[in-house]
Amino acid sequence: MKRYWIGIASKEHVKMGVAGGFSQLCHGKAQPLRRMAVGDGLIYYSAKETFGTDVLCQQFTAIGEVVGSEIYPFEMFPGFVPHRRDIRFFAARDIPIRPLIPQLSFITDKTRWGYVFRYGHLEIPRADFELIAAQMLLEKSAANTLSAAGA
């Protein structure tokens, strides 16, 4: 059964992943990537524009589908070898989270909505994924691919 996920990373890091066709979660840990399967949907939420700064982004910044079955290490620089998984990202616009908060069921406490993102990776219901995707995706064919029930 197809599952739907949100990954959390700065917008700067997300855009590097989009350009390279990969996902890297939770500072390079392999376990979050193992939870996903080929065909699963992934949306990135970016609380910050750039890692380590206070400049807020608070937007969904990428959407795609898991295409790689392998989780592989990648040396970004000496001493830092995070794990990655291949993702096919779709043409999408960044959208702010705040207007969607009242409608998103995975955010149960609407007054402390940021708390749900604390672990860097979470599974969300299909309906929430489709709500976000409908506003992000620039191509209707991508929406059909992402919402189709999979094995």
C-alpha atoms as a PDB file:
ATOM      1  CA  MET A   1       0.000   0.000   0.000  1.00  0.00           C
ATOM      2  CA  LYS A   2       1.287   3.417  -0.957  1.00  0.00           C
ATOM      3  CA  ARG A   3       2.256   5.691   1.934  1.00  0.00           C
ATOM      4  CA  TYR A   4       2.754   9.430   2.201  1.00  0.00           C
ATOM      5  CA  TRP A   5       5.518  11.277   4.014  1.00  0.00           C
ATOM      6  CA  ILE A   6       6.797  14.677   5.003  1.00  0.00           C
ATOM      7  CA  GLY A   7      10.507  15.305   5.303  1.00  0.00           C
ATOM      8  CA  ILE A   8      11.783  18.373   7.123  1.00  0.00           C
ATOM      9  CA  ALA A   9      14.839  20.309   5.951  1.00  0.00           C
ATOM     10  CA  SER A  10      15.864  23.875   5.239  1.00  0.00           C
ATOM     11  CA  LYS A  11      14.768  25.230   1.863  1.00  0.00           C
ATOM     12  CA  GLU A  12      18.415  25.509   0.808  1.00  0.00           C
ATOM     13  CA  HIS A  13      19.005  21.801   1.526  1.00  0.00           C
ATOM     14  CA  VAL A  14      15.742  20.762  -0.117  1.00  0.00           C
ATOM     15  CA  LYS A  15      16.619  22.563  -3.330  1.00  0.00           C
ATOM     16  CA  MET A  16      19.996  20.750  -3.418  1.00  0.00           C
ATOM     17  CA  GLY A  17      18.103  17.451  -3.146  1.00  0.00           C
ATOM     18  CA  VAL A  18      15.678  18.442  -5.889  1.00  0.00           C
ATOM     19  CA  ALA A  19      18.560  19.389  -8.188  1.00  0.00           C
ATOM     20  CA  GLY A  20      20.304  16.074  -7.458  1.00  0.00           C
ATOM     21  CA  GLY A  21      17.198  13.864  -7.425  1.00  0.00           C
ATOM     22  CA  PHE A  22      17.675  12.572  -3.880  1.00  0.00           C
ATOM     23  CA  SER A  23      16.264  12.723  -0.368  1.00  0.00           C
ATOM     24  CA  GLN A  24      18.435  13.081   2.694  1.00  0.00           C
ATOM     25  CA  LEU A  25      16.617  13.125   6.037  1.00  0.00           C
ATOM     26  CA  CYS A  26      17.403  13.738   9.704  1.00  0.00           C
ATOM     27  CA  HIS A  27      20.973  14.906   9.099  1.00  0.00           C
ATOM     28  CA  GLY A  28      21.746  11.919   6.902  1.00  0.00           C
ATOM     29  CA  LYS A  29      20.356   9.046   8.962  1.00  0.00           C
ATOM     30  CA  ALA A  30      19.432   5.914   7.009  1.00  0.00           C
ATOM     31  CA  GLN A  31      16.451   4.816   9.136  1.00  0.00           C
ATOM     32  CA  PRO A  32      13.906   7.406   7.892  1.00  0.00           C
ATOM     33  CA  LEU A  33      14.778   6.481   4.306  1.00  0.00           C
ATOM     34  CA  ARG A  34      14.231   2.777   5.099  1.00  0.00           C
ATOM     35  CA  ARG A  35      10.674   3.514   6.246  1.00  0.00           C
ATOM     36  CA  MET A  36       9.742   4.626   2.741  1.00  0.00           C
ATOM     37  CA  ALA A  37       9.098   2.350  -0.244  1.00  0.00           C
ATOM     38  CA  VAL A  38       9.321   2.786  -3.994  1.00  0.00           C
ATOM     39  CA  GLY A  39       6.174   4.602  -5.120  1.00  0.00           C
ATOM     40  CA  ASP A  40       5.578   6.441  -1.838  1.00  0.00           C
ATOM     41  CA  GLY A  41       4.905  10.184  -1.975  1.00  0.00           C
ATOM     42  CA  LEU A  42       7.220  12.677  -0.257  1.00  0.00           C
ATOM     43  CA  ILE A  43       6.653  16.341   0.476  1.00  0.00           C
ATOM     44  CA  TYR A  44       9.313  18.525   2.046  1.00  0.00           C
ATOM     45  CA  TYR A  45       8.474  21.140   4.659  1.00  0.00           C
ATOM     46  CA  SER A  46      11.047  23.866   5.300  1.00  0.00           C
ATOM     47  CA  ALA A  47      10.774  25.763   8.568  1.00  0.00           C
ATOM     48  CA  LYS A  48      13.910  27.782   7.737  1.00  0.00           C
ATOM     49  CA  GLU A  49      15.376  29.211   4.557  1.00  0.00           C
ATOM     50  CA  THR A  50      18.921  28.126   5.436  1.00  0.00           C
ATOM     51  CA  PHE A  51      20.182  25.582   7.975  1.00  0.00           C
ATOM     52  CA  GLY A  52      21.571  27.228  11.099  1.00  0.00           C
ATOM     53  CA  THR A  53      19.905  30.609  10.598  1.00  0.00           C
ATOM     54  CA  ASP A  54      16.794  32.212  12.059  1.00  0.00           C
ATOM     55  CA  VAL A  55      15.270  33.260   8.725  1.00  0.00           C
ATOM     56  CA  LEU A  56      11.860  31.592   8.581  1.00  0.00           C
ATOM     57  CA  CYS A  57      10.489  29.886   5.481  1.00  0.00           C
ATOM     58  CA  GLN A  58       7.453  27.919   6.789  1.00  0.00           C
ATOM     59  CA  GLN A  59       6.601  26.500   3.377  1.00  0.00           C
ATOM     60  CA  PHE A  60       6.213  23.184   1.632  1.00  0.00           C
ATOM     61  CA  THR A  61       9.155  23.335  -0.765  1.00  0.00           C
ATOM     62  CA  ALA A  62       9.259  20.125  -2.834  1.00  0.00           C
ATOM     63  CA  ILE A  63       7.113  17.156  -3.771  1.00  0.00           C
ATOM     64  CA  GLY A  64       8.053  13.876  -5.351  1.00  0.00           C
ATOM     65  CA  GLU A  65       7.904  10.114  -5.454  1.00  0.00           C
ATOM     66  CA  VAL A  66      10.373   7.543  -4.132  1.00  0.00           C
ATOM     67  CA  VAL A  67      11.992   5.836  -7.133  1.00  0.00           C
ATOM     68  CA  GLY A  68      15.176   4.399  -5.672  1.00  0.00           C
ATOM     69  CA  SER A  69      15.077   1.087  -3.851  1.00  0.00           C
ATOM     70  CA  GLU A  70      18.602   1.535  -2.485  1.00  0.00           C
ATOM     71  CA  ILE A  71      19.689   3.646   0.470  1.00  0.00           C
ATOM     72  CA  TYR A  72      23.248   4.670  -0.192  1.00  0.00           C
ATOM     73  CA  PRO A  73      25.995   6.642   1.586  1.00  0.00           C
ATOM     74  CA  PHE A  74      27.308   9.775  -0.088  1.00  0.00           C
ATOM     75  CA  GLU A  75      30.411  11.622   1.099  1.00  0.00           C
ATOM     76  CA  MET A  76      29.511  15.301   1.095  1.00  0.00           C
ATOM     77  CA  PHE A  77      32.875  16.235   2.578  1.00  0.00           C
ATOM     78  CA  PRO A  78      35.536  14.393   4.588  1.00  0.00           C
ATOM     79  CA  GLY A  79      34.006  13.066   7.791  1.00  0.00           C
ATOM     80  CA  PHE A  80      30.366  13.588   6.738  1.00  0.00           C
ATOM     81  CA  VAL A  81      28.791  10.681   4.873  1.00  0.00           C
ATOM     82  CA  PRO A  82      24.990  10.950   5.007  1.00  0.00           C
ATOM     83  CA  HIS A  83      22.587   8.430   3.495  1.00  0.00           C
ATOM     84  CA  ARG A  84      20.411   9.205   0.492  1.00  0.00           C
ATOM     85  CA  ARG A  85      17.582   7.731  -1.516  1.00  0.00           C
ATOM     86  CA  ASP A  86      16.586   8.604  -5.080  1.00  0.00           C
ATOM     87  CA  ILE A  87      13.411  10.654  -5.553  1.00  0.00           C
ATOM     88  CA  ARG A  88      11.679  11.847  -8.708  1.00  0.00           C
ATOM     89  CA  PHE A  89      10.661  15.400  -7.922  1.00  0.00           C
ATOM     90  CA  PHE A  90       7.842  17.088  -9.802  1.00  0.00           C
ATOM     91  CA  ALA A  91       7.560  20.663 -11.045  1.00  0.00           C
ATOM     92  CA  ALA A  92       6.003  22.490  -8.115  1.00  0.00           C
ATOM     93  CA  ARG A  93       5.623  25.841  -6.438  1.00  0.00           C
ATOM     94  CA  ASP A  94       6.502  26.530  -2.815  1.00  0.00           C
ATOM     95  CA  ILE A  95       3.385  27.108  -0.731  1.00  0.00           C
ATOM     96  CA  PRO A  96       3.006  28.523   2.779  1.00  0.00           C
ATOM     97  CA  ILE A  97       1.811  26.171   5.489  1.00  0.00           C
ATOM     98  CA  ARG A  98      -0.205  28.620   7.596  1.00  0.00           C
ATOM     99  CA  PRO A  99      -3.329  28.776   5.373  1.00  0.00           C
ATOM    100  CA  LEU A 100      -3.494  24.958   5.350  1.00  0.00           C
ATOM    101  CA  ILE A 101      -3.077  24.318   9.085  1.00  0.00           C
ATOM    102  CA  PRO A 102      -6.835  24.277   9.874  1.00  0.00           C
ATOM    103  CA  GLN A 103      -7.395  21.601   7.185  1.00  0.00           C
ATOM    104  CA  LEU A 104      -4.418  19.308   7.900  1.00  0.00           C
ATOM    105  CA  SER A 105      -5.471  16.368  10.067  1.00  0.00           C
ATOM    106  CA  PHE A 106      -1.906  15.364  10.997  1.00  0.00           C
ATOM    107  CA  ILE A 107      -1.586  18.671  12.866  1.00  0.00           C
ATOM    108  CA  THR A 108      -3.800  17.948  15.851  1.00  0.00           C
ATOM    109  CA  ASP A 109      -2.795  20.935  17.993  1.00  0.00           C
ATOM    110  CA  LYS A 110      -3.396  23.939  15.747  1.00  0.00           C
ATOM    111  CA  THR A 111      -1.859  26.339  18.305  1.00  0.00           C
ATOM    112  CA  ARG A 112       1.444  24.432  18.458  1.00  0.00           C
ATOM    113  CA  TRP A 113       1.483  23.244  14.865  1.00  0.00           C
ATOM    114  CA  GLY A 114       5.276  23.252  14.496  1.00  0.00           C
ATOM    115  CA  TYR A 115       5.673  20.547  17.141  1.00  0.00           C
ATOM    116  CA  VAL A 116       4.608  17.786  14.738  1.00  0.00           C
ATOM    117  CA  PHE A 117       7.739  18.395  12.633  1.00  0.00           C
ATOM    118  CA  ARG A 118      10.233  17.896  15.485  1.00  0.00           C
ATOM    119  CA  TYR A 119      11.537  14.477  14.379  1.00  0.00           C
ATOM    120  CA  GLY A 120      12.384  15.433  10.802  1.00  0.00           C
ATOM    121  CA  HIS A 121      10.228  12.797   9.073  1.00  0.00           C
ATOM    122  CA  LEU A 122       6.622  11.739   9.520  1.00  0.00           C
ATOM    123  CA  GLU A 123       3.915   9.763   7.805  1.00  0.00           C
ATOM    124  CA  ILE A 124       0.740  11.634   6.890  1.00  0.00           C
ATOM    125  CA  PRO A 125      -2.697  10.565   5.646  1.00  0.00           C
ATOM    126  CA  ARG A 126      -3.335  10.431   1.916  1.00  0.00           C
ATOM    127  CA  ALA A 127      -5.995  13.172   2.156  1.00  0.00           C
ATOM    128  CA  ASP A 128      -3.494  15.601   3.707  1.00  0.00           C
ATOM    129  CA  PHE A 129      -0.910  14.733   1.067  1.00  0.00           C
ATOM    130  CA  GLU A 130      -3.430  15.339  -1.710  1.00  0.00           C
ATOM    131  CA  LEU A 131      -4.509  18.666  -0.187  1.00  0.00           C
ATOM    132  CA  ILE A 132      -0.932  19.942  -0.203  1.00  0.00           C
ATOM    133  CA  ALA A 133      -0.142  18.421  -3.608  1.00  0.00           C
ATOM    134  CA  ALA A 134      -3.158  20.092  -5.221  1.00  0.00           C
ATOM    135  CA  GLN A 135      -1.666  23.494  -4.403  1.00  0.00           C
ATOM    136  CA  MET A 136       1.971  22.651  -5.128  1.00  0.00           C
ATOM    137  CA  LEU A 137       1.936  20.686  -8.360  1.00  0.00           C
ATOM    138  CA  LEU A 138       2.242  22.502 -11.661  1.00  0.00           C
ATOM    139  CA  GLU A 139       1.290  19.457 -13.779  1.00  0.00           C
ATOM    140  CA  LYS A 140      -1.949  17.513 -13.410  1.00  0.00           C
ATOM    141  CA  SER A 141      -0.270  14.253 -14.531  1.00  0.00           C
ATOM    142  CA  ALA A 142       2.026  14.416 -11.499  1.00  0.00           C
ATOM    143  CA  ALA A 143      -0.987  14.694  -9.184  1.00  0.00           C
ATOM    144  CA  ASN A 144      -2.469  11.543 -10.719  1.00  0.00           C
ATOM    145  CA  THR A 145       0.835   9.671 -10.294  1.00  0.00           C
ATOM    146  CA  LEU A 146       1.205  10.677  -6.652  1.00  0.00           C
ATOM    147  CA  SER A 147      -2.343   9.933  -5.554  1.00  0.00           C
ATOM    148  CA  ALA A 148      -2.738   6.606  -7.349  1.00  0.00           C
ATOM    149  CA  ALA A 149      -2.984   3.672  -4.979  1.00  0.00           C
ATOM    150  CA  GLY A 150       0.153   1.590  -5.159  1.00  0.00           C
ATOM    151  CA  ALA A 151       1.330  -1.747  -3.948  1.00  0.00           C
END
